[in-house]
Amino acid sequence: MDIAGSVMTGRGSTRTYEMGQQRKERIYLKHRAEWRRWESEGSIDADDDNELFADWEGDWEVMDVLITRWDSSVRKRLGAHEPKKVR
C-alpha cells in the first residue's frame, strides 16, 4: 500500500503527518467487507469491480482523515470557529 500523509505549511513552518499503515489497512478492509456483505445479501450484483469501488470509498475515507487532522489548526490560524455540532 502507498503511504498516506499530508503537509501543512504556514507562518514559516512545515508540519507533516503520516497515517499509520495499520490504520489505513483497517479502513480499506472495512470497506471491502461492507461491499462483500452487500454482494452476499444480493443488494448489489457480484462483480469484479466491487473491490475497486470499495477501494475508492477507502480512498475517500483516508482523505477525510487527513483533512480532519489539520482542520482545527487551520481554523485557529484563520480565526474561524469550529462548526456547531447538530444534536
N, C-alpha and C. Protein backbone atom coordinates (compact mmCIF):
# COMPACT_ATOMS: atom_id res chain seq x y z
N MET A 1 0.83 -1.18 0.00
CA MET A 1 0.00 0.00 0.00
C MET A 1 0.87 1.24 0.00
N ASP A 2 0.35 2.27 -0.61
CA ASP A 2 1.05 3.55 -0.65
C ASP A 2 1.01 4.21 0.73
N ILE A 3 1.90 5.15 0.91
CA ILE A 3 1.92 5.94 2.14
C ILE A 3 0.86 7.04 2.00
N ALA A 4 0.11 7.25 3.07
CA ALA A 4 -0.88 8.33 3.10
C ALA A 4 -0.41 9.35 4.11
N GLY A 5 -0.27 10.58 3.66
CA GLY A 5 0.17 11.62 4.56
C GLY A 5 -0.23 12.98 4.05
N SER A 6 0.04 13.98 4.86
CA SER A 6 -0.28 15.34 4.46
C SER A 6 0.73 16.29 5.09
N VAL A 7 0.76 17.49 4.54
CA VAL A 7 1.70 18.51 4.99
C VAL A 7 0.93 19.81 5.18
N MET A 8 1.21 20.50 6.28
CA MET A 8 0.62 21.82 6.49
C MET A 8 1.78 22.82 6.60
N THR A 9 1.72 23.84 5.79
CA THR A 9 2.75 24.87 5.79
C THR A 9 2.11 26.21 6.12
N GLY A 10 2.73 26.95 7.02
CA GLY A 10 2.21 28.26 7.36
C GLY A 10 3.10 28.95 8.36
N ARG A 11 3.15 30.26 8.29
CA ARG A 11 3.94 31.07 9.21
C ARG A 11 5.40 30.61 9.27
N GLY A 12 5.93 30.20 8.15
CA GLY A 12 7.34 29.83 8.08
C GLY A 12 7.68 28.44 8.61
N SER A 13 6.68 27.65 8.94
CA SER A 13 6.96 26.31 9.42
C SER A 13 6.19 25.28 8.60
N THR A 14 6.69 24.08 8.62
CA THR A 14 6.04 22.98 7.91
C THR A 14 5.86 21.82 8.88
N ARG A 15 4.65 21.30 8.92
CA ARG A 15 4.37 20.13 9.76
C ARG A 15 3.85 19.02 8.87
N THR A 16 4.25 17.81 9.18
CA THR A 16 3.82 16.67 8.38
C THR A 16 3.09 15.67 9.25
N TYR A 17 2.25 14.89 8.61
CA TYR A 17 1.52 13.81 9.27
C TYR A 17 1.49 12.62 8.32
N GLU A 18 1.85 11.47 8.82
CA GLU A 18 1.77 10.24 8.03
C GLU A 18 0.84 9.28 8.75
N MET A 19 -0.21 8.86 8.05
CA MET A 19 -1.16 7.92 8.63
C MET A 19 -0.47 6.57 8.80
N GLY A 20 -0.68 5.94 9.93
CA GLY A 20 -0.11 4.63 10.18
C GLY A 20 -0.64 3.59 9.18
N GLN A 21 0.23 2.70 8.78
CA GLN A 21 -0.14 1.69 7.79
C GLN A 21 -1.28 0.81 8.27
N GLN A 22 -1.26 0.43 9.55
CA GLN A 22 -2.33 -0.42 10.08
C GLN A 22 -3.67 0.29 10.05
N ARG A 23 -3.69 1.56 10.38
CA ARG A 23 -4.95 2.32 10.34
C ARG A 23 -5.49 2.36 8.92
N LYS A 24 -4.61 2.62 7.97
CA LYS A 24 -5.02 2.68 6.57
C LYS A 24 -5.56 1.32 6.11
N GLU A 25 -4.87 0.26 6.47
CA GLU A 25 -5.33 -1.08 6.08
C GLU A 25 -6.69 -1.39 6.67
N ARG A 26 -6.92 -0.99 7.94
CA ARG A 26 -8.23 -1.23 8.57
C ARG A 26 -9.34 -0.51 7.81
N ILE A 27 -9.06 0.70 7.34
CA ILE A 27 -10.06 1.46 6.58
C ILE A 27 -10.44 0.69 5.31
N TYR A 28 -9.44 0.23 4.56
CA TYR A 28 -9.72 -0.49 3.32
C TYR A 28 -10.42 -1.81 3.59
N LEU A 29 -9.99 -2.54 4.61
CA LEU A 29 -10.63 -3.82 4.94
C LEU A 29 -12.09 -3.62 5.32
N LYS A 30 -12.38 -2.53 6.04
CA LYS A 30 -13.76 -2.24 6.44
C LYS A 30 -14.65 -2.05 5.21
N HIS A 31 -14.16 -1.28 4.23
CA HIS A 31 -14.97 -1.02 3.04
C HIS A 31 -15.12 -2.27 2.18
N ARG A 32 -14.06 -3.06 2.07
CA ARG A 32 -14.17 -4.31 1.30
C ARG A 32 -15.15 -5.27 1.94
N ALA A 33 -15.14 -5.36 3.27
CA ALA A 33 -16.08 -6.24 3.98
C ALA A 33 -17.52 -5.76 3.76
N GLU A 34 -17.71 -4.46 3.77
CA GLU A 34 -19.06 -3.91 3.55
C GLU A 34 -19.56 -4.27 2.15
N TRP A 35 -18.71 -4.13 1.15
CA TRP A 35 -19.12 -4.45 -0.22
C TRP A 35 -19.38 -5.95 -0.37
N ARG A 36 -18.57 -6.79 0.29
CA ARG A 36 -18.82 -8.25 0.23
C ARG A 36 -20.14 -8.59 0.89
N ARG A 37 -20.46 -7.90 2.00
CA ARG A 37 -21.74 -8.14 2.68
C ARG A 37 -22.89 -7.78 1.76
N TRP A 38 -22.79 -6.64 1.08
CA TRP A 38 -23.85 -6.24 0.14
C TRP A 38 -24.01 -7.27 -0.97
N GLU A 39 -22.89 -7.79 -1.47
CA GLU A 39 -22.95 -8.84 -2.50
C GLU A 39 -23.69 -10.05 -1.98
N SER A 40 -23.34 -10.49 -0.77
CA SER A 40 -23.94 -11.71 -0.22
C SER A 40 -25.43 -11.54 0.08
N GLU A 41 -25.84 -10.31 0.40
CA GLU A 41 -27.25 -10.02 0.65
C GLU A 41 -28.04 -9.86 -0.64
N GLY A 42 -27.32 -9.74 -1.75
CA GLY A 42 -27.99 -9.51 -3.03
C GLY A 42 -28.35 -8.05 -3.26
N SER A 43 -27.86 -7.16 -2.40
CA SER A 43 -28.15 -5.73 -2.55
C SER A 43 -27.48 -5.15 -3.78
N ILE A 44 -26.34 -5.75 -4.15
CA ILE A 44 -25.63 -5.34 -5.36
C ILE A 44 -25.23 -6.59 -6.10
N ASP A 45 -25.01 -6.47 -7.40
CA ASP A 45 -24.55 -7.60 -8.19
C ASP A 45 -23.10 -7.91 -7.84
N ALA A 46 -22.81 -9.20 -7.75
CA ALA A 46 -21.41 -9.60 -7.52
C ALA A 46 -20.66 -9.39 -8.82
N ASP A 47 -19.60 -8.64 -8.74
CA ASP A 47 -18.76 -8.44 -9.92
C ASP A 47 -17.37 -8.00 -9.51
N ASP A 48 -16.44 -8.16 -10.42
CA ASP A 48 -15.03 -7.91 -10.11
C ASP A 48 -14.73 -6.46 -9.77
N ASP A 49 -15.58 -5.54 -10.20
CA ASP A 49 -15.34 -4.12 -9.95
C ASP A 49 -15.65 -3.71 -8.52
N ASN A 50 -16.35 -4.56 -7.77
CA ASN A 50 -16.75 -4.16 -6.43
C ASN A 50 -15.57 -3.89 -5.51
N GLU A 51 -14.48 -4.64 -5.66
CA GLU A 51 -13.31 -4.37 -4.83
C GLU A 51 -12.71 -3.01 -5.20
N LEU A 52 -12.74 -2.68 -6.47
CA LEU A 52 -12.26 -1.37 -6.91
C LEU A 52 -13.12 -0.26 -6.29
N PHE A 53 -14.45 -0.45 -6.33
CA PHE A 53 -15.34 0.55 -5.75
C PHE A 53 -15.12 0.67 -4.25
N ALA A 54 -14.90 -0.46 -3.58
CA ALA A 54 -14.62 -0.44 -2.14
C ALA A 54 -13.33 0.32 -1.86
N ASP A 55 -12.33 0.12 -2.70
CA ASP A 55 -11.06 0.85 -2.53
C ASP A 55 -11.24 2.34 -2.75
N TRP A 56 -12.09 2.72 -3.69
CA TRP A 56 -12.37 4.14 -3.89
C TRP A 56 -12.98 4.74 -2.62
N GLU A 57 -13.92 4.02 -2.02
CA GLU A 57 -14.52 4.52 -0.79
C GLU A 57 -13.47 4.61 0.32
N GLY A 58 -12.56 3.64 0.34
CA GLY A 58 -11.45 3.69 1.29
C GLY A 58 -10.58 4.91 1.05
N ASP A 59 -10.31 5.22 -0.22
CA ASP A 59 -9.52 6.42 -0.56
C ASP A 59 -10.18 7.68 -0.01
N TRP A 60 -11.51 7.78 -0.19
CA TRP A 60 -12.23 8.96 0.29
C TRP A 60 -12.12 9.07 1.81
N GLU A 61 -12.26 7.93 2.51
CA GLU A 61 -12.17 7.98 3.97
C GLU A 61 -10.76 8.37 4.42
N VAL A 62 -9.74 7.85 3.75
CA VAL A 62 -8.36 8.22 4.08
C VAL A 62 -8.18 9.73 3.89
N MET A 63 -8.68 10.28 2.79
CA MET A 63 -8.56 11.73 2.57
C MET A 63 -9.29 12.50 3.66
N ASP A 64 -10.48 12.02 4.07
CA ASP A 64 -11.21 12.69 5.14
C ASP A 64 -10.41 12.71 6.43
N VAL A 65 -9.75 11.60 6.75
CA VAL A 65 -8.91 11.54 7.96
C VAL A 65 -7.78 12.55 7.87
N LEU A 66 -7.13 12.62 6.71
CA LEU A 66 -6.01 13.54 6.55
C LEU A 66 -6.46 15.00 6.63
N ILE A 67 -7.61 15.31 6.07
CA ILE A 67 -8.14 16.68 6.14
C ILE A 67 -8.50 17.03 7.58
N THR A 68 -9.16 16.11 8.25
CA THR A 68 -9.59 16.34 9.63
C THR A 68 -8.39 16.56 10.54
N ARG A 69 -7.27 15.93 10.21
CA ARG A 69 -6.05 16.05 11.01
C ARG A 69 -5.67 17.52 11.21
N TRP A 70 -5.84 18.34 10.20
CA TRP A 70 -5.40 19.73 10.26
C TRP A 70 -6.54 20.73 10.48
N ASP A 71 -7.76 20.27 10.43
CA ASP A 71 -8.92 21.17 10.48
C ASP A 71 -8.86 22.19 11.61
N SER A 72 -8.67 21.72 12.84
CA SER A 72 -8.71 22.65 13.97
C SER A 72 -7.54 23.63 13.92
N SER A 73 -6.36 23.16 13.47
CA SER A 73 -5.20 24.07 13.37
C SER A 73 -5.45 25.17 12.34
N VAL A 74 -6.01 24.80 11.22
CA VAL A 74 -6.28 25.77 10.16
C VAL A 74 -7.35 26.76 10.62
N ARG A 75 -8.40 26.27 11.23
CA ARG A 75 -9.46 27.17 11.72
C ARG A 75 -8.90 28.15 12.73
N LYS A 76 -8.03 27.67 13.63
CA LYS A 76 -7.43 28.53 14.65
C LYS A 76 -6.59 29.62 13.99
N ARG A 77 -5.79 29.24 13.00
CA ARG A 77 -4.94 30.23 12.32
C ARG A 77 -5.75 31.25 11.54
N LEU A 78 -6.89 30.82 11.02
CA LEU A 78 -7.73 31.73 10.24
C LEU A 78 -8.69 32.52 11.12
N GLY A 79 -8.76 32.15 12.39
CA GLY A 79 -9.69 32.82 13.29
C GLY A 79 -11.12 32.36 13.08
N ALA A 80 -11.28 31.23 12.43
CA ALA A 80 -12.63 30.70 12.18
C ALA A 80 -13.06 29.85 13.37
N HIS A 81 -14.35 29.75 13.53
CA HIS A 81 -14.90 28.95 14.63
C HIS A 81 -15.19 27.54 14.15
N GLU A 82 -15.13 26.62 15.11
CA GLU A 82 -15.50 25.24 14.81
C GLU A 82 -16.99 25.22 14.48
N PRO A 83 -17.39 24.38 13.53
CA PRO A 83 -18.82 24.29 13.24
C PRO A 83 -19.57 23.75 14.45
N LYS A 84 -20.79 24.25 14.65
CA LYS A 84 -21.59 23.78 15.77
C LYS A 84 -22.06 22.36 15.51
N LYS A 85 -22.05 21.57 16.57
CA LYS A 85 -22.49 20.19 16.47
C LYS A 85 -24.01 20.15 16.43
N VAL A 86 -24.56 19.36 15.53
CA VAL A 86 -26.00 19.21 15.42
C VAL A 86 -26.43 18.09 16.36
N ARG A 87 -27.45 18.35 17.12
CA ARG A 87 -27.92 17.32 18.06
C ARG A 87 -29.02 16.51 17.47
